């Protein structure tokens, strides 16, 4: 991986991580267009540490409150209930990630799967956007809702689904406001991404042929900067608009992927 490729892939990760368009699909496609191969699940997981650092900084007040709340009984306050709902909501993706690890790093990264999920989950997002009552905020969160948010987040292990798309859609089906569902989505992702990224970094370090750490660090840094800017824009956007534009984009990207696959420009099974 060249310096230019690392920086571009880091920017792609940062721009798409928080939008409901699937960052893993974009990084996978961009890597194939650069060098003919998917950068891999490890690259995605490690660079996500940069985007999660952006979440920690942007939502630092929320994170501080949640850290305080985690030391109290779940029903003692809104902060405690929110903190424990995130802890409970992290369990589904940890269980699914451990149980499906070989599929996540292999067959799930097939571009035919990605194209299908981009289009299919676009329909799910549109349905959620139309049917949601949107009368709940994070202050209404319960442990049950946290687990359901977490189950939705676990779907993002399949490239093309999108972590934010899955959890925002899940939140909308549960009746939460768009911006509140997005806010909770970003906070819920922090523990899971930190655990996954740390594990993948450890695995990469043990690999007999590890990647260039300088390139990986640069990509992660770029992901932080671009991710921070996207969070600021996306939160303002959701306060005023729905998800229709992102749904249309997902359909267009799915069509592009399908066209490239049918033309033989891309091969579905290319892996690092």
C-alpha atoms as a PDB file:
ATOM      1  CA  UNK A   1       0.000   0.000   0.000  1.00  0.00           C
ATOM      2  CA  UNK A   2       1.451   3.355  -1.059  1.00  0.00           C
ATOM      3  CA  UNK A   3       1.264   6.538   1.030  1.00  0.00           C
ATOM      4  CA  UNK A   4      -1.244   8.022  -1.385  1.00  0.00           C
ATOM      5  CA  UNK A   5      -3.476   4.953  -1.222  1.00  0.00           C
ATOM      6  CA  UNK A   6      -3.305   4.880   2.588  1.00  0.00           C
ATOM      7  CA  UNK A   7      -4.295   8.539   2.862  1.00  0.00           C
ATOM      8  CA  UNK A   8      -7.153   8.236   0.375  1.00  0.00           C
ATOM      9  CA  UNK A   9      -8.496   5.097   2.057  1.00  0.00           C
ATOM     10  CA  UNK A  10      -8.268   6.836   5.437  1.00  0.00           C
ATOM     11  CA  UNK A  11     -10.268   9.748   4.044  1.00  0.00           C
ATOM     12  CA  UNK A  12     -12.862   7.375   2.552  1.00  0.00           C
ATOM     13  CA  UNK A  13     -13.163   5.658   5.932  1.00  0.00           C
ATOM     14  CA  UNK A  14     -13.597   8.976   7.749  1.00  0.00           C
ATOM     15  CA  UNK A  15     -16.136  10.405   5.313  1.00  0.00           C
ATOM     16  CA  UNK A  16     -18.326   7.309   5.124  1.00  0.00           C
ATOM     17  CA  UNK A  17     -18.071   5.857   8.658  1.00  0.00           C
ATOM     18  CA  UNK A  18     -20.849   8.015  10.116  1.00  0.00           C
ATOM     19  CA  UNK A  19     -23.083   8.255   7.079  1.00  0.00           C
ATOM     20  CA  UNK A  20     -25.619   5.451   6.479  1.00  0.00           C
ATOM     21  CA  UNK A  21     -23.866   4.347   3.277  1.00  0.00           C
ATOM     22  CA  UNK A  22     -21.476   1.625   4.583  1.00  0.00           C
ATOM     23  CA  UNK A  23     -17.856   2.634   5.130  1.00  0.00           C
ATOM     24  CA  UNK A  24     -16.668  -0.972   4.705  1.00  0.00           C
ATOM     25  CA  UNK A  25     -18.274  -1.101   1.249  1.00  0.00           C
ATOM     26  CA  UNK A  26     -16.547   2.125   0.211  1.00  0.00           C
ATOM     27  CA  UNK A  27     -13.130   1.144   1.601  1.00  0.00           C
ATOM     28  CA  UNK A  28     -13.410  -2.282  -0.038  1.00  0.00           C
ATOM     29  CA  UNK A  29     -14.360  -0.762  -3.401  1.00  0.00           C
ATOM     30  CA  UNK A  30     -11.740   1.989  -3.222  1.00  0.00           C
ATOM     31  CA  UNK A  31      -9.009  -0.517  -2.348  1.00  0.00           C
ATOM     32  CA  UNK A  32      -9.944  -2.730  -5.273  1.00  0.00           C
ATOM     33  CA  UNK A  33      -9.965   0.221  -7.675  1.00  0.00           C
ATOM     34  CA  UNK A  34      -6.520   1.245  -6.394  1.00  0.00           C
ATOM     35  CA  UNK A  35      -4.704  -2.050  -6.359  1.00  0.00           C
ATOM     36  CA  UNK A  36      -7.181  -4.697  -7.393  1.00  0.00           C
ATOM     37  CA  UNK A  37      -7.650  -6.043  -3.843  1.00  0.00           C
ATOM     38  CA  UNK A  38      -9.839  -5.472  -0.807  1.00  0.00           C
ATOM     39  CA  UNK A  39      -7.760  -3.762   1.940  1.00  0.00           C
ATOM     40  CA  UNK A  40      -9.325  -6.261   4.341  1.00  0.00           C
ATOM     41  CA  UNK A  41     -11.295  -6.292   7.571  1.00  0.00           C
ATOM     42  CA  UNK A  42      -8.172  -5.614   9.661  1.00  0.00           C
ATOM     43  CA  UNK A  43      -7.430  -2.334   7.841  1.00  0.00           C
ATOM     44  CA  UNK A  44     -11.043  -1.229   8.269  1.00  0.00           C
ATOM     45  CA  UNK A  45     -11.130  -2.125  11.962  1.00  0.00           C
ATOM     46  CA  UNK A  46      -7.866  -0.349  12.788  1.00  0.00           C
ATOM     47  CA  UNK A  47      -8.694   2.850  10.872  1.00  0.00           C
ATOM     48  CA  UNK A  48     -12.071   2.894  12.632  1.00  0.00           C
ATOM     49  CA  UNK A  49     -10.099   3.700  15.783  1.00  0.00           C
ATOM     50  CA  UNK A  50      -9.497   7.108  14.221  1.00  0.00           C
ATOM     51  CA  UNK A  51     -13.169   7.715  13.552  1.00  0.00           C
ATOM     52  CA  UNK A  52     -14.101   6.589  17.066  1.00  0.00           C
ATOM     53  CA  UNK A  53     -11.568   9.042  18.472  1.00  0.00           C
ATOM     54  CA  UNK A  54     -13.545  11.702  16.586  1.00  0.00           C
ATOM     55  CA  UNK A  55     -16.734  10.456  18.278  1.00  0.00           C
ATOM     56  CA  UNK A  56     -15.099  10.605  21.705  1.00  0.00           C
ATOM     57  CA  UNK A  57     -14.014  14.187  21.109  1.00  0.00           C
ATOM     58  CA  UNK A  58     -17.260  15.449  19.538  1.00  0.00           C
ATOM     59  CA  UNK A  59     -19.455  13.804  22.194  1.00  0.00           C
ATOM     60  CA  UNK A  60     -16.970  14.252  25.048  1.00  0.00           C
ATOM     61  CA  UNK A  61     -19.619  15.684  27.383  1.00  0.00           C
ATOM     62  CA  UNK A  62     -21.921  12.716  26.719  1.00  0.00           C
ATOM     63  CA  UNK A  63     -19.026  10.297  27.174  1.00  0.00           C
ATOM     64  CA  UNK A  64     -18.134  11.884  30.512  1.00  0.00           C
ATOM     65  CA  UNK A  65     -21.714  11.605  31.714  1.00  0.00           C
ATOM     66  CA  UNK A  66     -21.945   7.991  30.568  1.00  0.00           C
ATOM     67  CA  UNK A  67     -18.685   7.128  32.318  1.00  0.00           C
ATOM     68  CA  UNK A  68     -20.126   8.533  35.558  1.00  0.00           C
ATOM     69  CA  UNK A  69     -23.404   6.730  34.994  1.00  0.00           C
ATOM     70  CA  UNK A  70     -21.715   3.351  34.495  1.00  0.00           C
ATOM     71  CA  UNK A  71     -20.663   3.347  38.160  1.00  0.00           C
ATOM     72  CA  UNK A  72     -24.273   3.591  39.380  1.00  0.00           C
ATOM     73  CA  UNK A  73     -27.238   1.258  39.433  1.00  0.00           C
ATOM     74  CA  UNK A  74     -29.098   1.206  36.066  1.00  0.00           C
ATOM     75  CA  UNK A  75     -32.320   2.704  37.465  1.00  0.00           C
ATOM     76  CA  UNK A  76     -30.718   5.396  39.614  1.00  0.00           C
ATOM     77  CA  UNK A  77     -30.609   8.106  36.917  1.00  0.00           C
ATOM     78  CA  UNK A  78     -30.943   8.800  33.209  1.00  0.00           C
ATOM     79  CA  UNK A  79     -27.138   8.819  32.901  1.00  0.00           C
ATOM     80  CA  UNK A  80     -26.889   5.404  34.561  1.00  0.00           C
ATOM     81  CA  UNK A  81     -29.672   3.953  32.416  1.00  0.00           C
ATOM     82  CA  UNK A  82     -28.036   5.271  29.240  1.00  0.00           C
ATOM     83  CA  UNK A  83     -24.615   3.936  30.239  1.00  0.00           C
ATOM     84  CA  UNK A  84     -25.917   0.480  31.085  1.00  0.00           C
ATOM     85  CA  UNK A  85     -28.020   0.374  27.911  1.00  0.00           C
ATOM     86  CA  UNK A  86     -24.823   0.922  25.895  1.00  0.00           C
ATOM     87  CA  UNK A  87     -23.036  -1.806  27.858  1.00  0.00           C
ATOM     88  CA  UNK A  88     -25.935  -4.187  27.206  1.00  0.00           C
ATOM     89  CA  UNK A  89     -26.152  -3.052  23.586  1.00  0.00           C
ATOM     90  CA  UNK A  90     -22.502  -3.919  22.983  1.00  0.00           C
ATOM     91  CA  UNK A  91     -23.059  -7.598  23.783  1.00  0.00           C
ATOM     92  CA  UNK A  92     -24.844  -8.600  20.525  1.00  0.00           C
ATOM     93  CA  UNK A  93     -22.091  -7.370  18.204  1.00  0.00           C
ATOM     94  CA  UNK A  94     -19.364  -8.916  20.387  1.00  0.00           C
ATOM     95  CA  UNK A  95     -21.127 -12.286  20.318  1.00  0.00           C
ATOM     96  CA  UNK A  96     -21.834 -12.079  16.583  1.00  0.00           C
ATOM     97  CA  UNK A  97     -18.324 -10.822  15.833  1.00  0.00           C
ATOM     98  CA  UNK A  98     -16.714 -13.716  17.695  1.00  0.00           C
ATOM     99  CA  UNK A  99     -19.024 -16.342  16.266  1.00  0.00           C
ATOM    100  CA  UNK A 100     -18.930 -15.115  12.661  1.00  0.00           C
ATOM    101  CA  UNK A 101     -15.323 -13.949  12.498  1.00  0.00           C
ATOM    102  CA  UNK A 102     -14.299 -16.193   9.603  1.00  0.00           C
ATOM    103  CA  UNK A 103     -17.316 -15.113   7.583  1.00  0.00           C
ATOM    104  CA  UNK A 104     -16.705 -11.421   8.385  1.00  0.00           C
ATOM    105  CA  UNK A 105     -13.084 -11.526   7.218  1.00  0.00           C
ATOM    106  CA  UNK A 106     -13.842 -13.764   4.230  1.00  0.00           C
ATOM    107  CA  UNK A 107     -17.133 -14.577   2.440  1.00  0.00           C
ATOM    108  CA  UNK A 108     -19.031 -11.531   3.750  1.00  0.00           C
ATOM    109  CA  UNK A 109     -16.558  -9.279   1.910  1.00  0.00           C
ATOM    110  CA  UNK A 110     -17.697 -10.632  -1.457  1.00  0.00           C
ATOM    111  CA  UNK A 111     -18.806  -7.631  -3.508  1.00  0.00           C
ATOM    112  CA  UNK A 112     -21.975  -9.432  -4.568  1.00  0.00           C
ATOM    113  CA  UNK A 113     -22.978  -9.521  -0.915  1.00  0.00           C
ATOM    114  CA  UNK A 114     -22.034  -5.859  -0.542  1.00  0.00           C
ATOM    115  CA  UNK A 115     -24.142  -4.761  -3.524  1.00  0.00           C
ATOM    116  CA  UNK A 116     -27.121  -6.757  -2.284  1.00  0.00           C
ATOM    117  CA  UNK A 117     -26.889  -5.294   1.218  1.00  0.00           C
ATOM    118  CA  UNK A 118     -26.505  -1.737  -0.069  1.00  0.00           C
ATOM    119  CA  UNK A 119     -29.782  -1.965  -1.966  1.00  0.00           C
ATOM    120  CA  UNK A 120     -31.660  -4.222   0.428  1.00  0.00           C
ATOM    121  CA  UNK A 121     -30.886  -2.289   3.561  1.00  0.00           C
ATOM    122  CA  UNK A 122     -31.638   0.935   1.733  1.00  0.00           C
ATOM    123  CA  UNK A 123     -35.237  -0.302   1.579  1.00  0.00           C
ATOM    124  CA  UNK A 124     -35.146  -1.035   5.310  1.00  0.00           C
ATOM    125  CA  UNK A 125     -33.892   2.488   6.058  1.00  0.00           C
ATOM    126  CA  UNK A 126     -36.616   4.038   3.917  1.00  0.00           C
ATOM    127  CA  UNK A 127     -39.314   2.001   5.665  1.00  0.00           C
ATOM    128  CA  UNK A 128     -37.953   2.997   9.080  1.00  0.00           C
ATOM    129  CA  UNK A 129     -37.854   6.664   8.096  1.00  0.00           C
ATOM    130  CA  UNK A 130     -41.475   6.592   6.941  1.00  0.00           C
ATOM    131  CA  UNK A 131     -42.999   4.607   9.808  1.00  0.00           C
ATOM    132  CA  UNK A 132     -41.185   6.047  12.811  1.00  0.00           C
ATOM    133  CA  UNK A 133     -43.172   8.025  15.373  1.00  0.00           C
ATOM    134  CA  UNK A 134     -39.968   9.924  16.283  1.00  0.00           C
ATOM    135  CA  UNK A 135     -41.236  10.951  19.685  1.00  0.00           C
ATOM    136  CA  UNK A 136     -38.472   9.492  21.883  1.00  0.00           C
ATOM    137  CA  UNK A 137     -35.054  10.834  22.931  1.00  0.00           C
ATOM    138  CA  UNK A 138     -32.025   9.252  24.588  1.00  0.00           C
ATOM    139  CA  UNK A 139     -33.555  10.211  27.942  1.00  0.00           C
ATOM    140  CA  UNK A 140     -36.233   7.566  27.181  1.00  0.00           C
ATOM    141  CA  UNK A 141     -33.701   4.780  26.581  1.00  0.00           C
ATOM    142  CA  UNK A 142     -34.146   1.484  28.397  1.00  0.00           C
ATOM    143  CA  UNK A 143     -31.919  -1.590  28.722  1.00  0.00           C
ATOM    144  CA  UNK A 144     -34.310  -3.393  26.372  1.00  0.00           C
ATOM    145  CA  UNK A 145     -33.987  -0.649  23.756  1.00  0.00           C
ATOM    146  CA  UNK A 146     -30.216  -0.718  24.192  1.00  0.00           C
ATOM    147  CA  UNK A 147     -30.134  -4.443  23.402  1.00  0.00           C
ATOM    148  CA  UNK A 148     -32.366  -3.912  20.341  1.00  0.00           C
ATOM    149  CA  UNK A 149     -30.095  -1.082  19.162  1.00  0.00           C
ATOM    150  CA  UNK A 150     -27.205  -3.496  19.676  1.00  0.00           C
ATOM    151  CA  UNK A 151     -28.858  -6.225  17.603  1.00  0.00           C
ATOM    152  CA  UNK A 152     -29.293  -3.706  14.796  1.00  0.00           C
ATOM    153  CA  UNK A 153     -25.636  -2.689  15.114  1.00  0.00           C
ATOM    154  CA  UNK A 154     -24.564  -6.342  14.797  1.00  0.00           C
ATOM    155  CA  UNK A 155     -26.032  -6.386  11.272  1.00  0.00           C
ATOM    156  CA  UNK A 156     -23.273  -3.959  10.240  1.00  0.00           C
ATOM    157  CA  UNK A 157     -20.743  -6.792  10.407  1.00  0.00           C
ATOM    158  CA  UNK A 158     -21.881  -7.509   6.845  1.00  0.00           C
ATOM    159  CA  UNK A 159     -20.309  -4.966   4.445  1.00  0.00           C
ATOM    160  CA  UNK A 160     -22.971  -2.926   2.712  1.00  0.00           C
ATOM    161  CA  UNK A 161     -25.300  -2.666   5.701  1.00  0.00           C
ATOM    162  CA  UNK A 162     -23.647   0.316   7.498  1.00  0.00           C
ATOM    163  CA  UNK A 163     -23.261   0.635  11.241  1.00  0.00           C
ATOM    164  CA  UNK A 164     -24.966   4.025  11.415  1.00  0.00           C
ATOM    165  CA  UNK A 165     -27.595   2.975   8.879  1.00  0.00           C
ATOM    166  CA  UNK A 166     -28.491  -0.146  10.866  1.00  0.00           C
ATOM    167  CA  UNK A 167     -28.610   1.506  14.281  1.00  0.00           C
ATOM    168  CA  UNK A 168     -30.385   4.659  13.087  1.00  0.00           C
ATOM    169  CA  UNK A 169     -32.977   2.508  11.308  1.00  0.00           C
ATOM    170  CA  UNK A 170     -33.321   0.411  14.448  1.00  0.00           C
ATOM    171  CA  UNK A 171     -33.792   3.549  16.516  1.00  0.00           C
ATOM    172  CA  UNK A 172     -36.415   4.876  14.117  1.00  0.00           C
ATOM    173  CA  UNK A 173     -38.373   1.617  14.309  1.00  0.00           C
ATOM    174  CA  UNK A 174     -38.236   1.991  18.106  1.00  0.00           C
ATOM    175  CA  UNK A 175     -39.693   5.511  17.787  1.00  0.00           C
ATOM    176  CA  UNK A 176     -36.622   7.668  18.403  1.00  0.00           C
ATOM    177  CA  UNK A 177     -35.989  10.991  16.671  1.00  0.00           C
ATOM    178  CA  UNK A 178     -33.486  10.825  13.807  1.00  0.00           C
ATOM    179  CA  UNK A 179     -30.842  12.991  15.458  1.00  0.00           C
ATOM    180  CA  UNK A 180     -31.269  11.168  18.772  1.00  0.00           C
ATOM    181  CA  UNK A 181     -30.994   7.768  17.072  1.00  0.00           C
ATOM    182  CA  UNK A 182     -27.807   8.953  15.349  1.00  0.00           C
ATOM    183  CA  UNK A 183     -26.359  10.317  18.581  1.00  0.00           C
ATOM    184  CA  UNK A 184     -27.008   7.021  20.364  1.00  0.00           C
ATOM    185  CA  UNK A 185     -25.692   5.100  17.353  1.00  0.00           C
ATOM    186  CA  UNK A 186     -22.349   6.889  17.505  1.00  0.00           C
ATOM    187  CA  UNK A 187     -22.015   6.415  21.259  1.00  0.00           C
ATOM    188  CA  UNK A 188     -23.026   2.748  21.051  1.00  0.00           C
ATOM    189  CA  UNK A 189     -20.330   2.115  18.443  1.00  0.00           C
ATOM    190  CA  UNK A 190     -17.480   3.282  20.690  1.00  0.00           C
ATOM    191  CA  UNK A 191     -16.979   0.153  22.863  1.00  0.00           C
ATOM    192  CA  UNK A 192     -17.453  -2.297  19.993  1.00  0.00           C
ATOM    193  CA  UNK A 193     -15.089  -0.466  17.629  1.00  0.00           C
ATOM    194  CA  UNK A 194     -12.420   0.016  20.291  1.00  0.00           C
ATOM    195  CA  UNK A 195     -12.531  -3.688  21.174  1.00  0.00           C
ATOM    196  CA  UNK A 196     -12.526  -4.789  17.522  1.00  0.00           C
ATOM    197  CA  UNK A 197      -9.820  -2.325  16.493  1.00  0.00           C
ATOM    198  CA  UNK A 198      -7.551  -3.276  19.385  1.00  0.00           C
ATOM    199  CA  UNK A 199      -7.958  -6.984  18.611  1.00  0.00           C
ATOM    200  CA  UNK A 200      -7.274  -6.470  14.917  1.00  0.00           C
ATOM    201  CA  UNK A 201      -4.225  -4.313  15.702  1.00  0.00           C
ATOM    202  CA  UNK A 202      -2.918  -7.100  17.954  1.00  0.00           C
ATOM    203  CA  UNK A 203      -3.518  -9.684  15.217  1.00  0.00           C
ATOM    204  CA  UNK A 204      -1.761  -7.484  12.661  1.00  0.00           C
ATOM    205  CA  UNK A 205       1.208  -7.072  15.006  1.00  0.00           C
ATOM    206  CA  UNK A 206       1.537 -10.865  15.274  1.00  0.00           C
ATOM    207  CA  UNK A 207       1.302 -11.358  11.509  1.00  0.00           C
ATOM    208  CA  UNK A 208       4.637 -12.522  10.040  1.00  0.00           C
ATOM    209  CA  UNK A 209       4.093 -10.051   7.180  1.00  0.00           C
ATOM    210  CA  UNK A 210       2.515  -7.023   8.905  1.00  0.00           C
ATOM    211  CA  UNK A 211       1.495  -3.908   6.945  1.00  0.00           C
ATOM    212  CA  UNK A 212       3.497  -0.702   7.025  1.00  0.00           C
ATOM    213  CA  UNK A 213       2.574   0.748  10.406  1.00  0.00           C
ATOM    214  CA  UNK A 214       3.361   4.274   9.235  1.00  0.00           C
ATOM    215  CA  UNK A 215       0.822   3.993   6.420  1.00  0.00           C
ATOM    216  CA  UNK A 216      -1.773   2.496   8.741  1.00  0.00           C
ATOM    217  CA  UNK A 217      -1.217   5.248  11.327  1.00  0.00           C
ATOM    218  CA  UNK A 218      -1.488   7.939   8.640  1.00  0.00           C
ATOM    219  CA  UNK A 219      -4.761   6.463   7.350  1.00  0.00           C
ATOM    220  CA  UNK A 220      -6.112   6.370  10.908  1.00  0.00           C
ATOM    221  CA  UNK A 221      -5.155  10.021  11.471  1.00  0.00           C
ATOM    222  CA  UNK A 222      -6.860  11.119   8.267  1.00  0.00           C
ATOM    223  CA  UNK A 223      -9.935   9.106   9.263  1.00  0.00           C
ATOM    224  CA  UNK A 224     -10.066  11.061  12.531  1.00  0.00           C
ATOM    225  CA  UNK A 225      -9.946  14.476  10.839  1.00  0.00           C
ATOM    226  CA  UNK A 226     -12.466  13.736   8.121  1.00  0.00           C
ATOM    227  CA  UNK A 227     -14.714  11.817  10.504  1.00  0.00           C
ATOM    228  CA  UNK A 228     -14.916  14.750  12.902  1.00  0.00           C
ATOM    229  CA  UNK A 229     -16.056  17.060  10.125  1.00  0.00           C
ATOM    230  CA  UNK A 230     -18.666  14.572   8.913  1.00  0.00           C
ATOM    231  CA  UNK A 231     -20.142  14.179  12.417  1.00  0.00           C
ATOM    232  CA  UNK A 232     -20.644  17.948  12.629  1.00  0.00           C
ATOM    233  CA  UNK A 233     -22.388  18.061   9.245  1.00  0.00           C
ATOM    234  CA  UNK A 234     -24.476  14.915   9.698  1.00  0.00           C
ATOM    235  CA  UNK A 235     -25.929  15.930  13.056  1.00  0.00           C
ATOM    236  CA  UNK A 236     -27.046  19.275  11.591  1.00  0.00           C
ATOM    237  CA  UNK A 237     -28.470  17.499   8.529  1.00  0.00           C
ATOM    238  CA  UNK A 238     -30.605  15.078  10.552  1.00  0.00           C
ATOM    239  CA  UNK A 239     -32.155  17.930  12.500  1.00  0.00           C
ATOM    240  CA  UNK A 240     -33.671  19.213   9.254  1.00  0.00           C
ATOM    241  CA  UNK A 241     -33.913  16.378   6.713  1.00  0.00           C
ATOM    242  CA  UNK A 242     -34.751  12.691   6.336  1.00  0.00           C
ATOM    243  CA  UNK A 243     -32.731   9.766   4.945  1.00  0.00           C
ATOM    244  CA  UNK A 244     -34.071   9.737   1.379  1.00  0.00           C
ATOM    245  CA  UNK A 245     -30.885  11.132  -0.148  1.00  0.00           C
ATOM    246  CA  UNK A 246     -28.779   8.418   1.464  1.00  0.00           C
ATOM    247  CA  UNK A 247     -31.218   5.722   0.332  1.00  0.00           C
ATOM    248  CA  UNK A 248     -30.934   6.939  -3.276  1.00  0.00           C
ATOM    249  CA  UNK A 249     -27.162   6.995  -2.989  1.00  0.00           C
ATOM    250  CA  UNK A 250     -27.132   3.404  -1.729  1.00  0.00           C
ATOM    251  CA  UNK A 251     -29.214   2.280  -4.702  1.00  0.00           C
ATOM    252  CA  UNK A 252     -26.880   4.101  -7.107  1.00  0.00           C
ATOM    253  CA  UNK A 253     -23.758   2.588  -5.536  1.00  0.00           C
ATOM    254  CA  UNK A 254     -25.321  -0.890  -5.581  1.00  0.00           C
ATOM    255  CA  UNK A 255     -26.083  -0.444  -9.294  1.00  0.00           C
ATOM    256  CA  UNK A 256     -22.507   0.737  -9.948  1.00  0.00           C
ATOM    257  CA  UNK A 257     -21.058  -2.268  -8.139  1.00  0.00           C
ATOM    258  CA  UNK A 258     -23.351  -4.638 -10.015  1.00  0.00           C
ATOM    259  CA  UNK A 259     -22.320  -3.048 -13.316  1.00  0.00           C
ATOM    260  CA  UNK A 260     -18.605  -3.306 -12.554  1.00  0.00           C
ATOM    261  CA  UNK A 261     -19.019  -6.939 -11.534  1.00  0.00           C
ATOM    262  CA  UNK A 262     -21.014  -7.826 -14.641  1.00  0.00           C
ATOM    263  CA  UNK A 263     -18.458  -6.056 -16.839  1.00  0.00           C
ATOM    264  CA  UNK A 264     -15.612  -7.984 -15.208  1.00  0.00           C
ATOM    265  CA  UNK A 265     -13.905  -4.778 -14.069  1.00  0.00           C
ATOM    266  CA  UNK A 266     -14.065  -6.065 -10.522  1.00  0.00           C
ATOM    267  CA  UNK A 267     -13.949  -9.612  -9.226  1.00  0.00           C
ATOM    268  CA  UNK A 268     -16.212 -10.366  -6.267  1.00  0.00           C
ATOM    269  CA  UNK A 269     -13.787 -12.583  -4.373  1.00  0.00           C
ATOM    270  CA  UNK A 270     -10.580 -10.458  -4.424  1.00  0.00           C
ATOM    271  CA  UNK A 271      -9.057 -10.470  -0.932  1.00  0.00           C
ATOM    272  CA  UNK A 272      -5.754  -9.337   0.526  1.00  0.00           C
END
